[in-house]
Amino acid sequence: MDVVVRDIRALIISGSTRVQSNSLLLAQRAASLLVDKGVEVKVVELRKHKIDDCVGCRRCIEIKKCCIRDDMSTKIIPLLLKSHIIIVSTPVYFDNVPSLVKRFIDRTWCIRGFLRNKVLGAIVVGRGYGLDTAIAAIYNWGLKHEMIICHRGVRVHAYNYGEVMNDKQALVDLDNMCSRLFEVASMVSNYM
């Protein structure tokens, strides 16, 4: 029996505040790997968007959407909802994700239940400390939303711009993660 793969869409979130960032380089590489598999990919650099803090008003429970009008609610959330694959690519700051990524994570509270069964991947870049903590932050966010986690994530040792391309094992891991995310997203989309 042949399996027919529906159109798969991916959203890759780049969480660095830097214009030239290693996490953006890896986000773009992941995008290229997925495009090669026929996936429609959108890369979003959080630093280019106005994303206000969640104020914890809980009004979204009543109105079924975030009441804060900014790029998160008008541009990024619609992309999250349309995607089958979501990848978060981020630097490590003080042994965790930076505040920009945390703000993004917090603002998804208003779409609880709507990210269920989306396939999640994580890419973290740092000097060594905090790589696992940052992966855990991303995957704990995914578990809260009942997303599918099917790969351990990509941990990259780098500091200066471009050094990510020297971590050969990380590049192999990135290729493997993108292949696995595509494989699982294809299976899930065929049963939805």
N, C-alpha and C. Protein backbone atom coordinates (compact mmCIF):
# COMPACT_ATOMS: atom_id res chain seq x y z
N MET A 1 0.85 -1.18 0.00
CA MET A 1 0.00 0.00 0.00
C MET A 1 0.89 1.24 0.00
N ASP A 2 0.65 2.14 -0.93
CA ASP A 2 1.41 3.39 -1.00
C ASP A 2 0.82 4.40 -0.02
N VAL A 3 1.70 5.11 0.66
CA VAL A 3 1.27 6.17 1.57
C VAL A 3 1.38 7.48 0.81
N VAL A 4 0.28 8.22 0.76
CA VAL A 4 0.27 9.51 0.10
C VAL A 4 0.56 10.58 1.14
N VAL A 5 1.60 11.35 0.91
CA VAL A 5 1.97 12.41 1.85
C VAL A 5 1.26 13.70 1.45
N ARG A 6 0.49 14.22 2.37
CA ARG A 6 -0.16 15.51 2.12
C ARG A 6 0.88 16.62 2.20
N ASP A 7 0.49 17.80 1.77
CA ASP A 7 1.39 18.94 1.87
C ASP A 7 1.75 19.19 3.33
N ILE A 8 3.03 19.22 3.59
CA ILE A 8 3.52 19.44 4.95
C ILE A 8 4.09 20.85 5.04
N ARG A 9 3.72 21.57 6.11
CA ARG A 9 4.22 22.91 6.35
C ARG A 9 5.04 22.93 7.64
N ALA A 10 6.14 23.66 7.60
CA ALA A 10 7.00 23.78 8.78
C ALA A 10 7.21 25.25 9.12
N LEU A 11 7.29 25.52 10.40
CA LEU A 11 7.62 26.84 10.92
C LEU A 11 8.88 26.69 11.76
N ILE A 12 9.90 27.45 11.42
CA ILE A 12 11.14 27.43 12.18
C ILE A 12 11.30 28.78 12.85
N ILE A 13 11.38 28.74 14.17
CA ILE A 13 11.51 29.94 14.99
C ILE A 13 12.98 30.14 15.32
N SER A 14 13.53 31.29 14.95
CA SER A 14 14.90 31.64 15.31
C SER A 14 14.84 32.63 16.47
N GLY A 15 15.41 32.23 17.60
CA GLY A 15 15.23 33.01 18.82
C GLY A 15 16.39 33.90 19.24
N SER A 16 17.32 34.16 18.35
CA SER A 16 18.45 35.01 18.72
C SER A 16 18.12 36.49 18.55
N THR A 17 18.73 37.31 19.37
CA THR A 17 18.57 38.77 19.24
C THR A 17 19.61 39.35 18.30
N ARG A 18 20.57 38.55 17.86
CA ARG A 18 21.64 39.03 16.99
C ARG A 18 21.24 38.98 15.52
N VAL A 19 21.74 39.95 14.76
CA VAL A 19 21.50 39.96 13.31
C VAL A 19 22.21 38.77 12.66
N GLN A 20 23.47 38.58 13.00
CA GLN A 20 24.23 37.42 12.53
C GLN A 20 24.31 36.44 13.69
N SER A 21 23.54 35.36 13.59
CA SER A 21 23.52 34.43 14.71
C SER A 21 23.69 33.00 14.23
N ASN A 22 24.32 32.22 15.08
CA ASN A 22 24.49 30.81 14.79
C ASN A 22 23.15 30.08 14.76
N SER A 23 22.23 30.47 15.63
CA SER A 23 20.94 29.79 15.63
C SER A 23 20.15 30.08 14.36
N LEU A 24 20.32 31.27 13.78
CA LEU A 24 19.68 31.56 12.50
C LEU A 24 20.34 30.75 11.38
N LEU A 25 21.66 30.62 11.40
CA LEU A 25 22.33 29.79 10.39
C LEU A 25 21.78 28.37 10.41
N LEU A 26 21.58 27.82 11.60
CA LEU A 26 21.06 26.46 11.71
C LEU A 26 19.58 26.39 11.34
N ALA A 27 18.83 27.44 11.66
CA ALA A 27 17.43 27.48 11.24
C ALA A 27 17.34 27.46 9.72
N GLN A 28 18.19 28.23 9.07
CA GLN A 28 18.19 28.26 7.60
C GLN A 28 18.64 26.93 7.02
N ARG A 29 19.60 26.29 7.67
CA ARG A 29 20.03 24.96 7.20
C ARG A 29 18.90 23.94 7.36
N ALA A 30 18.20 23.98 8.48
CA ALA A 30 17.06 23.09 8.69
C ALA A 30 15.99 23.35 7.64
N ALA A 31 15.75 24.62 7.34
CA ALA A 31 14.76 24.97 6.31
C ALA A 31 15.15 24.36 4.97
N SER A 32 16.41 24.45 4.62
CA SER A 32 16.89 23.89 3.36
C SER A 32 16.71 22.38 3.32
N LEU A 33 17.03 21.72 4.42
CA LEU A 33 16.86 20.26 4.49
C LEU A 33 15.41 19.86 4.32
N LEU A 34 14.49 20.62 4.93
CA LEU A 34 13.07 20.30 4.81
C LEU A 34 12.52 20.64 3.43
N VAL A 35 12.97 21.74 2.85
CA VAL A 35 12.54 22.10 1.49
C VAL A 35 12.93 21.00 0.51
N ASP A 36 14.12 20.42 0.72
CA ASP A 36 14.57 19.32 -0.14
C ASP A 36 13.63 18.12 -0.07
N LYS A 37 12.85 18.01 1.00
CA LYS A 37 11.89 16.92 1.16
C LYS A 37 10.50 17.32 0.67
N GLY A 38 10.38 18.53 0.13
CA GLY A 38 9.10 18.99 -0.38
C GLY A 38 8.24 19.72 0.63
N VAL A 39 8.82 20.09 1.76
CA VAL A 39 8.08 20.78 2.81
C VAL A 39 8.04 22.27 2.51
N GLU A 40 6.90 22.89 2.74
CA GLU A 40 6.79 24.35 2.66
C GLU A 40 7.27 24.92 3.99
N VAL A 41 8.30 25.76 3.96
CA VAL A 41 8.95 26.21 5.20
C VAL A 41 8.91 27.73 5.32
N LYS A 42 8.65 28.18 6.52
CA LYS A 42 8.72 29.60 6.87
C LYS A 42 9.66 29.73 8.06
N VAL A 43 10.67 30.60 7.94
CA VAL A 43 11.57 30.90 9.05
C VAL A 43 11.18 32.26 9.62
N VAL A 44 10.95 32.31 10.91
CA VAL A 44 10.58 33.54 11.59
C VAL A 44 11.69 33.91 12.57
N GLU A 45 12.25 35.10 12.40
CA GLU A 45 13.22 35.63 13.35
C GLU A 45 12.46 36.46 14.38
N LEU A 46 12.40 35.96 15.59
CA LEU A 46 11.64 36.65 16.63
C LEU A 46 12.12 38.08 16.84
N ARG A 47 13.41 38.34 16.67
CA ARG A 47 13.96 39.67 16.91
C ARG A 47 13.37 40.73 15.99
N LYS A 48 12.78 40.31 14.89
CA LYS A 48 12.19 41.25 13.93
C LYS A 48 10.72 41.55 14.21
N HIS A 49 10.20 40.97 15.28
CA HIS A 49 8.77 41.11 15.56
C HIS A 49 8.52 41.75 16.92
N LYS A 50 7.42 42.45 17.00
CA LYS A 50 6.99 43.03 18.28
C LYS A 50 6.20 41.96 19.02
N ILE A 51 6.77 41.51 20.12
CA ILE A 51 6.13 40.48 20.94
C ILE A 51 6.10 41.00 22.37
N ASP A 52 4.91 41.37 22.82
CA ASP A 52 4.75 41.86 24.19
C ASP A 52 4.70 40.69 25.16
N ASP A 53 4.94 40.97 26.42
CA ASP A 53 4.82 39.96 27.46
C ASP A 53 3.37 39.54 27.65
N CYS A 54 3.16 38.27 27.98
CA CYS A 54 1.85 37.83 28.43
C CYS A 54 1.59 38.50 29.77
N VAL A 55 0.40 39.06 29.93
CA VAL A 55 0.08 39.76 31.17
C VAL A 55 -0.74 38.88 32.13
N GLY A 56 -1.00 37.65 31.72
CA GLY A 56 -1.72 36.72 32.59
C GLY A 56 -3.15 37.12 32.87
N CYS A 57 -3.78 37.85 31.96
CA CYS A 57 -5.14 38.34 32.19
C CYS A 57 -6.18 37.22 32.07
N ARG A 58 -5.83 36.16 31.37
CA ARG A 58 -6.70 35.00 31.15
C ARG A 58 -7.96 35.34 30.34
N ARG A 59 -7.95 36.49 29.71
CA ARG A 59 -9.10 36.88 28.88
C ARG A 59 -9.24 35.95 27.67
N CYS A 60 -8.13 35.33 27.26
CA CYS A 60 -8.17 34.43 26.11
C CYS A 60 -9.09 33.24 26.36
N ILE A 61 -9.31 32.88 27.62
CA ILE A 61 -10.23 31.79 27.93
C ILE A 61 -11.65 32.17 27.48
N GLU A 62 -11.99 33.41 27.70
CA GLU A 62 -13.33 33.92 27.36
C GLU A 62 -13.49 34.19 25.86
N ILE A 63 -12.49 34.87 25.26
CA ILE A 63 -12.65 35.30 23.86
C ILE A 63 -12.01 34.34 22.85
N LYS A 64 -11.35 33.28 23.35
CA LYS A 64 -10.77 32.23 22.50
C LYS A 64 -9.62 32.71 21.62
N LYS A 65 -8.97 33.79 22.02
CA LYS A 65 -7.76 34.26 21.34
C LYS A 65 -7.06 35.24 22.27
N CYS A 66 -5.82 35.55 21.93
CA CYS A 66 -5.05 36.50 22.75
C CYS A 66 -5.61 37.90 22.54
N CYS A 67 -5.75 38.62 23.64
CA CYS A 67 -6.29 39.99 23.54
C CYS A 67 -5.20 41.02 23.24
N ILE A 68 -3.95 40.61 23.28
CA ILE A 68 -2.85 41.52 22.97
C ILE A 68 -2.66 41.56 21.46
N ARG A 69 -2.72 42.75 20.89
CA ARG A 69 -2.57 42.91 19.44
C ARG A 69 -1.13 43.30 19.13
N ASP A 70 -0.38 42.34 18.65
CA ASP A 70 1.00 42.58 18.25
C ASP A 70 1.36 41.52 17.20
N ASP A 71 2.62 41.43 16.84
CA ASP A 71 3.02 40.47 15.81
C ASP A 71 2.82 39.02 16.25
N MET A 72 2.89 38.76 17.54
CA MET A 72 2.68 37.39 18.01
C MET A 72 1.27 36.93 17.70
N SER A 73 0.28 37.76 18.02
CA SER A 73 -1.11 37.35 17.81
C SER A 73 -1.56 37.46 16.36
N THR A 74 -1.01 38.41 15.62
CA THR A 74 -1.50 38.61 14.24
C THR A 74 -0.68 37.89 13.18
N LYS A 75 0.60 37.58 13.47
CA LYS A 75 1.45 36.95 12.46
C LYS A 75 1.97 35.58 12.86
N ILE A 76 2.50 35.46 14.06
CA ILE A 76 3.18 34.22 14.44
C ILE A 76 2.21 33.13 14.86
N ILE A 77 1.23 33.42 15.66
CA ILE A 77 0.26 32.40 16.07
C ILE A 77 -0.45 31.79 14.86
N PRO A 78 -0.90 32.58 13.88
CA PRO A 78 -1.51 31.94 12.70
C PRO A 78 -0.56 30.97 11.99
N LEU A 79 0.73 31.29 11.95
CA LEU A 79 1.71 30.39 11.34
C LEU A 79 1.87 29.11 12.16
N LEU A 80 1.88 29.24 13.48
CA LEU A 80 1.96 28.06 14.35
C LEU A 80 0.77 27.13 14.09
N LEU A 81 -0.40 27.71 13.99
CA LEU A 81 -1.61 26.91 13.83
C LEU A 81 -1.66 26.18 12.49
N LYS A 82 -1.05 26.73 11.45
CA LYS A 82 -1.06 26.13 10.12
C LYS A 82 0.04 25.10 9.90
N SER A 83 1.02 25.06 10.81
CA SER A 83 2.20 24.23 10.60
C SER A 83 2.00 22.81 11.11
N HIS A 84 2.67 21.87 10.45
CA HIS A 84 2.71 20.48 10.91
C HIS A 84 3.98 20.23 11.73
N ILE A 85 5.06 20.93 11.35
CA ILE A 85 6.35 20.81 12.02
C ILE A 85 6.70 22.18 12.59
N ILE A 86 7.16 22.19 13.85
CA ILE A 86 7.64 23.41 14.47
C ILE A 86 9.04 23.12 15.02
N ILE A 87 10.00 23.97 14.65
CA ILE A 87 11.36 23.85 15.17
C ILE A 87 11.71 25.18 15.85
N VAL A 88 12.24 25.09 17.05
CA VAL A 88 12.74 26.28 17.75
C VAL A 88 14.26 26.20 17.76
N SER A 89 14.91 27.20 17.19
CA SER A 89 16.37 27.28 17.14
C SER A 89 16.79 28.48 17.98
N THR A 90 17.59 28.24 19.00
CA THR A 90 17.88 29.30 19.97
C THR A 90 19.30 29.24 20.52
N PRO A 91 19.84 30.39 20.86
CA PRO A 91 21.08 30.38 21.63
C PRO A 91 20.77 30.03 23.08
N VAL A 92 21.80 29.76 23.84
CA VAL A 92 21.67 29.51 25.28
C VAL A 92 22.19 30.74 26.01
N TYR A 93 21.33 31.31 26.86
CA TYR A 93 21.73 32.43 27.71
C TYR A 93 21.56 31.99 29.16
N PHE A 94 22.59 32.11 29.96
CA PHE A 94 22.51 31.75 31.37
C PHE A 94 21.85 30.38 31.58
N ASP A 95 22.33 29.40 30.83
CA ASP A 95 21.89 28.01 30.97
C ASP A 95 20.44 27.77 30.60
N ASN A 96 19.86 28.60 29.74
CA ASN A 96 18.47 28.40 29.34
C ASN A 96 18.20 29.16 28.05
N VAL A 97 16.94 29.15 27.63
CA VAL A 97 16.56 29.93 26.45
C VAL A 97 16.57 31.41 26.82
N PRO A 98 16.84 32.30 25.85
CA PRO A 98 16.82 33.73 26.15
C PRO A 98 15.39 34.24 26.37
N SER A 99 15.30 35.43 26.94
CA SER A 99 13.99 36.00 27.28
C SER A 99 13.09 36.15 26.05
N LEU A 100 13.65 36.40 24.90
CA LEU A 100 12.84 36.53 23.68
C LEU A 100 12.11 35.23 23.37
N VAL A 101 12.79 34.10 23.53
CA VAL A 101 12.16 32.80 23.30
C VAL A 101 11.14 32.51 24.39
N LYS A 102 11.47 32.85 25.62
CA LYS A 102 10.53 32.63 26.72
C LYS A 102 9.26 33.45 26.54
N ARG A 103 9.41 34.69 26.06
CA ARG A 103 8.24 35.52 25.79
C ARG A 103 7.36 34.87 24.73
N PHE A 104 7.99 34.35 23.67
CA PHE A 104 7.26 33.61 22.62
C PHE A 104 6.51 32.43 23.24
N ILE A 105 7.21 31.64 24.04
CA ILE A 105 6.59 30.47 24.68
C ILE A 105 5.39 30.89 25.53
N ASP A 106 5.57 31.90 26.37
CA ASP A 106 4.50 32.34 27.26
C ASP A 106 3.26 32.79 26.49
N ARG A 107 3.47 33.42 25.37
CA ARG A 107 2.35 33.97 24.60
C ARG A 107 1.53 32.89 23.89
N THR A 108 1.99 31.65 23.90
CA THR A 108 1.19 30.58 23.26
C THR A 108 0.16 29.99 24.22
N TRP A 109 0.09 30.50 25.43
CA TRP A 109 -0.88 29.97 26.39
C TRP A 109 -2.30 30.08 25.84
N CYS A 110 -2.55 31.11 25.06
CA CYS A 110 -3.90 31.35 24.52
C CYS A 110 -4.31 30.31 23.47
N ILE A 111 -3.38 29.51 22.98
CA ILE A 111 -3.74 28.50 21.98
C ILE A 111 -3.56 27.07 22.52
N ARG A 112 -3.72 26.93 23.85
CA ARG A 112 -3.66 25.60 24.45
C ARG A 112 -4.65 24.68 23.74
N GLY A 113 -4.17 23.50 23.41
CA GLY A 113 -5.01 22.52 22.74
C GLY A 113 -4.95 22.58 21.24
N PHE A 114 -4.47 23.68 20.68
CA PHE A 114 -4.44 23.84 19.23
C PHE A 114 -3.11 23.45 18.59
N LEU A 115 -2.11 23.16 19.40
CA LEU A 115 -0.82 22.71 18.86
C LEU A 115 -0.67 21.19 19.04
N ARG A 116 -1.70 20.56 19.51
CA ARG A 116 -1.69 19.11 19.75
C ARG A 116 -1.35 18.36 18.46
N ASN A 117 -0.46 17.40 18.58
CA ASN A 117 -0.02 16.52 17.48
C ASN A 117 0.83 17.22 16.42
N LYS A 118 1.25 18.44 16.67
CA LYS A 118 2.26 19.03 15.79
C LYS A 118 3.61 18.45 16.21
N VAL A 119 4.51 18.31 15.27
CA VAL A 119 5.79 17.64 15.53
C VAL A 119 6.82 18.72 15.85
N LEU A 120 7.49 18.56 17.00
CA LEU A 120 8.39 19.59 17.53
C LEU A 120 9.84 19.15 17.50
N GLY A 121 10.70 20.07 17.07
CA GLY A 121 12.15 19.86 17.12
C GLY A 121 12.82 21.04 17.80
N ALA A 122 14.03 20.81 18.30
CA ALA A 122 14.76 21.86 19.02
C ALA A 122 16.21 21.87 18.58
N ILE A 123 16.73 23.09 18.40
CA ILE A 123 18.14 23.31 18.10
C ILE A 123 18.64 24.34 19.12
N VAL A 124 19.71 24.00 19.85
CA VAL A 124 20.26 24.94 20.81
C VAL A 124 21.76 25.10 20.56
N VAL A 125 22.22 26.34 20.70
CA VAL A 125 23.61 26.67 20.43
C VAL A 125 24.21 27.35 21.65
N GLY A 126 25.34 26.83 22.11
CA GLY A 126 26.01 27.44 23.25
C GLY A 126 27.42 26.93 23.40
N ARG A 127 28.08 27.45 24.41
CA ARG A 127 29.48 27.08 24.64
C ARG A 127 29.61 25.75 25.36
N GLY A 128 28.55 25.26 25.95
CA GLY A 128 28.61 23.98 26.64
C GLY A 128 27.61 23.86 27.75
N TYR A 129 27.64 24.79 28.69
CA TYR A 129 26.69 24.75 29.80
C TYR A 129 25.31 25.17 29.33
N GLY A 130 24.29 24.49 29.82
CA GLY A 130 22.92 24.90 29.56
C GLY A 130 22.28 24.35 28.31
N LEU A 131 23.01 23.60 27.50
CA LEU A 131 22.41 23.06 26.28
C LEU A 131 21.23 22.16 26.60
N ASP A 132 21.41 21.25 27.57
CA ASP A 132 20.33 20.34 27.93
C ASP A 132 19.16 21.07 28.61
N THR A 133 19.47 22.09 29.39
CA THR A 133 18.41 22.87 30.05
C THR A 133 17.56 23.60 29.02
N ALA A 134 18.20 24.16 28.00
CA ALA A 134 17.45 24.86 26.95
C ALA A 134 16.60 23.90 26.14
N ILE A 135 17.15 22.73 25.81
CA ILE A 135 16.35 21.69 25.11
C ILE A 135 15.15 21.32 25.98
N ALA A 136 15.38 21.13 27.27
CA ALA A 136 14.28 20.77 28.17
C ALA A 136 13.20 21.84 28.21
N ALA A 137 13.60 23.11 28.20
CA ALA A 137 12.61 24.20 28.22
C ALA A 137 11.72 24.15 26.98
N ILE A 138 12.34 23.90 25.83
CA ILE A 138 11.57 23.84 24.58
C ILE A 138 10.66 22.61 24.59
N TYR A 139 11.20 21.47 24.98
CA TYR A 139 10.39 20.25 24.96
C TYR A 139 9.32 20.23 26.06
N ASN A 140 9.58 20.86 27.20
CA ASN A 140 8.53 20.99 28.22
C ASN A 140 7.39 21.85 27.70
N TRP A 141 7.72 22.91 26.96
CA TRP A 141 6.69 23.73 26.32
C TRP A 141 5.86 22.86 25.36
N GLY A 142 6.54 22.06 24.56
CA GLY A 142 5.84 21.19 23.62
C GLY A 142 4.95 20.17 24.31
N LEU A 143 5.43 19.61 25.41
CA LEU A 143 4.62 18.64 26.14
C LEU A 143 3.37 19.30 26.72
N LYS A 144 3.50 20.53 27.19
CA LYS A 144 2.34 21.26 27.72
C LYS A 144 1.26 21.41 26.64
N HIS A 145 1.71 21.56 25.39
CA HIS A 145 0.78 21.70 24.27
C HIS A 145 0.42 20.35 23.62
N GLU A 146 0.93 19.24 24.18
CA GLU A 146 0.69 17.90 23.65
C GLU A 146 1.21 17.73 22.22
N MET A 147 2.37 18.36 21.95
CA MET A 147 3.03 18.17 20.67
C MET A 147 3.78 16.83 20.69
N ILE A 148 4.17 16.39 19.53
CA ILE A 148 4.90 15.14 19.39
C ILE A 148 6.40 15.43 19.37
N ILE A 149 7.12 14.82 20.29
CA ILE A 149 8.57 14.96 20.35
C ILE A 149 9.16 13.61 19.96
N CYS A 150 9.88 13.59 18.86
CA CYS A 150 10.35 12.31 18.32
C CYS A 150 11.86 12.29 18.05
N HIS A 151 12.56 13.30 18.54
CA HIS A 151 14.00 13.37 18.38
C HIS A 151 14.57 14.08 19.60
N ARG A 152 15.77 13.74 19.99
CA ARG A 152 16.37 14.30 21.22
C ARG A 152 16.78 15.75 21.09
N GLY A 153 16.73 16.30 19.89
CA GLY A 153 17.12 17.69 19.68
C GLY A 153 18.58 17.80 19.28
N VAL A 154 18.95 18.96 18.78
CA VAL A 154 20.31 19.20 18.28
C VAL A 154 21.01 20.16 19.22
N ARG A 155 22.14 19.71 19.75
CA ARG A 155 22.96 20.52 20.65
C ARG A 155 24.23 20.89 19.89
N VAL A 156 24.51 22.19 19.79
CA VAL A 156 25.65 22.66 19.00
C VAL A 156 26.58 23.47 19.88
N HIS A 157 27.86 23.14 19.83
CA HIS A 157 28.87 23.88 20.59
C HIS A 157 29.48 24.95 19.68
N ALA A 158 29.20 26.19 20.01
CA ALA A 158 29.72 27.31 19.22
C ALA A 158 29.59 28.58 20.03
N TYR A 159 30.36 29.57 19.64
CA TYR A 159 30.27 30.88 20.29
C TYR A 159 30.30 31.98 19.23
N ASN A 160 31.38 32.09 18.48
CA ASN A 160 31.49 33.12 17.46
C ASN A 160 30.67 32.76 16.23
N TYR A 161 30.23 33.79 15.52
CA TYR A 161 29.38 33.59 14.34
C TYR A 161 30.06 32.66 13.33
N GLY A 162 29.32 31.68 12.89
CA GLY A 162 29.80 30.74 11.88
C GLY A 162 30.41 29.47 12.45
N GLU A 163 30.75 29.47 13.74
CA GLU A 163 31.38 28.29 14.34
C GLU A 163 30.48 27.06 14.31
N VAL A 164 29.19 27.25 14.18
CA VAL A 164 28.28 26.09 14.16
C VAL A 164 28.61 25.15 13.01
N MET A 165 29.16 25.68 11.94
CA MET A 165 29.46 24.85 10.78
C MET A 165 30.68 23.95 11.02
N ASN A 166 31.40 24.17 12.13
CA ASN A 166 32.55 23.33 12.49
C ASN A 166 32.15 22.13 13.34
N ASP A 167 30.93 22.13 13.88
CA ASP A 167 30.47 21.03 14.72
C ASP A 167 29.82 19.97 13.82
N LYS A 168 30.66 19.11 13.27
CA LYS A 168 30.21 18.13 12.26
C LYS A 168 29.15 17.18 12.81
N GLN A 169 29.30 16.74 14.06
CA GLN A 169 28.30 15.84 14.63
C GLN A 169 26.94 16.54 14.75
N ALA A 170 26.96 17.81 15.12
CA ALA A 170 25.71 18.56 15.23
C ALA A 170 25.02 18.68 13.87
N LEU A 171 25.80 18.85 12.81
CA LEU A 171 25.20 18.95 11.47
C LEU A 171 24.59 17.63 11.04
N VAL A 172 25.23 16.52 11.41
CA VAL A 172 24.64 15.20 11.16
C VAL A 172 23.35 15.05 11.97
N ASP A 173 23.40 15.47 13.24
CA ASP A 173 22.20 15.40 14.09
C ASP A 173 21.07 16.25 13.52
N LEU A 174 21.39 17.40 12.97
CA LEU A 174 20.37 18.27 12.37
C LEU A 174 19.71 17.59 11.18
N ASP A 175 20.50 17.00 10.33
CA ASP A 175 19.97 16.27 9.18
C ASP A 175 19.06 15.13 9.65
N ASN A 176 19.52 14.38 10.65
CA ASN A 176 18.71 13.27 11.18
C ASN A 176 17.42 13.77 11.81
N MET A 177 17.49 14.89 12.54
CA MET A 177 16.28 15.41 13.16
C MET A 177 15.27 15.85 12.12
N CYS A 178 15.73 16.57 11.10
CA CYS A 178 14.80 17.03 10.07
C CYS A 178 14.15 15.85 9.34
N SER A 179 14.92 14.81 9.07
CA SER A 179 14.36 13.61 8.44
C SER A 179 13.31 12.97 9.33
N ARG A 180 13.59 12.88 10.61
CA ARG A 180 12.65 12.26 11.55
C ARG A 180 11.39 13.11 11.71
N LEU A 181 11.54 14.42 11.82
CA LEU A 181 10.37 15.28 11.95
C LEU A 181 9.47 15.15 10.72
N PHE A 182 10.09 15.12 9.55
CA PHE A 182 9.32 14.96 8.31
C PHE A 182 8.61 13.61 8.29
N GLU A 183 9.31 12.55 8.68
CA GLU A 183 8.73 11.21 8.68
C GLU A 183 7.49 11.16 9.58
N VAL A 184 7.62 11.68 10.79
CA VAL A 184 6.50 11.62 11.75
C VAL A 184 5.37 12.55 11.30
N ALA A 185 5.69 13.74 10.84
CA ALA A 185 4.65 14.67 10.37
C ALA A 185 3.88 14.06 9.20
N SER A 186 4.56 13.36 8.33
CA SER A 186 3.90 12.70 7.20
C SER A 186 2.93 11.64 7.68
N MET A 187 3.36 10.84 8.66
CA MET A 187 2.47 9.81 9.21
C MET A 187 1.27 10.44 9.88
N VAL A 188 1.50 11.46 10.70
CA VAL A 188 0.40 12.10 11.42
C VAL A 188 -0.59 12.74 10.47
N SER A 189 -0.08 13.43 9.44
CA SER A 189 -0.99 14.12 8.51
C SER A 189 -1.85 13.14 7.72
N ASN A 190 -1.36 11.93 7.52
CA ASN A 190 -2.15 10.92 6.81
C ASN A 190 -3.27 10.35 7.64
N TYR A 191 -3.19 10.52 8.96
CA TYR A 191 -4.22 9.99 9.84
C TYR A 191 -5.12 11.05 10.44
N MET A 192 -4.91 12.30 10.04
CA MET A 192 -5.73 13.39 10.57
C MET A 192 -6.89 13.70 9.64
